[in-house]
Protein backbone atom coordinates (compact mmCIF):
# COMPACT_ATOMS: atom_id res chain seq x y z
CA MET A 1 36.63 -16.50 -43.78
CA ALA A 2 35.63 -12.82 -43.94
CA GLU A 3 34.01 -13.38 -47.33
CA ASN A 4 31.92 -16.19 -45.88
CA ARG A 5 30.75 -13.92 -43.05
CA LYS A 6 29.74 -11.20 -45.53
CA GLU A 7 27.68 -13.79 -47.39
CA TYR A 8 25.86 -14.73 -44.18
CA ASP A 9 25.24 -11.07 -43.39
CA LEU A 10 23.80 -10.52 -46.86
CA ASP A 11 21.59 -13.59 -46.48
CA ALA A 12 20.33 -12.27 -43.14
CA LYS A 13 19.55 -8.91 -44.72
CA TRP A 14 17.62 -10.55 -47.55
CA ASP A 15 15.69 -12.70 -45.06
CA ALA A 16 14.82 -9.68 -42.94
CA CYS A 17 13.79 -7.71 -46.01
CA LEU A 18 11.61 -10.50 -47.39
CA ASP A 19 9.93 -10.98 -44.02
CA LEU A 20 9.32 -7.25 -43.65
CA SER A 21 7.94 -6.92 -47.18
CA LEU A 22 5.59 -9.86 -46.86
CA ARG A 23 4.23 -8.72 -43.50
CA ARG A 24 3.69 -5.13 -44.56
CA PHE A 25 2.05 -6.19 -47.82
CA VAL A 26 -0.40 -8.50 -46.06
CA TYR A 27 -1.19 -6.20 -43.14
CA SER A 28 -1.74 -3.13 -45.28
CA SER A 29 -3.83 -5.09 -47.80
CA VAL A 30 -6.04 -6.31 -44.97
CA ALA A 31 -6.30 -2.77 -43.61
CA GLY A 32 -7.23 -1.54 -47.10
CA ALA A 33 -9.86 -4.26 -47.45
CA PHE A 34 -11.35 -3.45 -44.07
CA SER A 35 -11.45 0.28 -44.73
CA GLY A 36 -12.87 -0.38 -48.21
CA LEU A 37 -15.65 -2.45 -46.66
CA LEU A 38 -16.49 0.32 -44.24
CA LEU A 39 -16.18 3.33 -46.52
CA PHE A 40 -17.09 2.27 -50.06
CA ARG A 41 -20.10 0.60 -51.65
CA SER A 42 -18.82 -0.17 -55.14
CA PRO A 43 -16.65 -3.28 -55.63
CA VAL A 44 -14.30 -1.28 -57.86
CA THR A 45 -13.55 1.26 -55.16
CA ARG A 46 -13.16 -1.51 -52.59
CA TRP A 47 -10.54 -3.20 -54.76
CA ALA A 48 -8.88 0.16 -55.31
CA SER A 49 -8.68 0.54 -51.55
CA VAL A 50 -7.02 -2.88 -51.25
CA ALA A 51 -4.57 -1.99 -54.04
CA PHE A 52 -3.76 1.33 -52.39
CA GLY A 53 -3.11 -0.41 -49.06
CA ALA A 54 -0.88 -2.98 -50.75
CA GLY A 55 1.05 -0.21 -52.49
CA VAL A 56 1.56 1.66 -49.23
CA GLY A 57 2.81 -1.52 -47.58
CA LEU A 58 5.22 -2.35 -50.39
CA GLY A 59 6.49 1.22 -50.58
CA SER A 60 7.10 1.32 -46.87
CA ALA A 61 8.89 -2.04 -46.99
CA TYR A 62 11.01 -0.89 -49.93
CA SER A 63 12.14 2.21 -48.09
CA ASP A 64 13.05 0.24 -44.96
CA CYS A 65 14.83 -2.46 -46.98
CA SER A 66 16.90 0.11 -48.84
CA ARG A 67 17.85 1.62 -45.48
CA LEU A 68 18.68 -1.88 -44.19
CA PHE A 69 21.02 -2.66 -47.09
CA ASP A 70 22.82 0.67 -46.75
CA SER A 71 23.48 0.24 -43.03
CA PRO A 72 25.95 -2.06 -41.28
CA THR A 73 24.72 -5.47 -40.14
CA ALA A 74 24.64 -4.48 -36.47
CA ASN A 75 21.11 -3.14 -37.06
CA LEU A 76 19.76 -6.64 -37.68
CA ARG A 77 19.83 -7.56 -34.01
CA SER A 78 16.76 -6.85 -31.97
CA SER A 79 17.09 -3.48 -30.34
CA ASN A 80 16.28 -2.68 -26.75
CA ILE A 81 14.61 0.51 -25.65
CA SER A 82 17.91 1.77 -24.25
CA ASP A 83 19.55 1.26 -27.68
CA SER A 84 17.11 3.46 -29.59
CA PRO A 85 18.32 6.94 -30.63
CA VAL A 86 15.31 8.64 -29.05
CA SER A 87 16.06 7.33 -25.59
CA GLN A 88 19.74 8.28 -25.92
CA ASP A 89 18.78 11.84 -26.82
CA VAL A 90 16.48 12.07 -23.82
CA GLN A 91 19.18 10.85 -21.42
CA LYS A 92 21.68 13.50 -22.53
């Protein structure tokens, strides 16, 4: 029974990581495309801006996913403002 629960926890972590990676890749690529349109005139530099944005998004997702897999599964639940470490430090 405990092994089955660990499998579900691992599946939830993979789902959260895939969702996070896909969102950050798309959002940062769009941000790179928009900034490339505003700042650069050459198509090569515009594509480089998109690639840089995609790389930033994937790198950020990788770092958060590695943190997610190293932590216990309690971090997968949606956190409230009162649960965040910053608000706990302020209350003390």
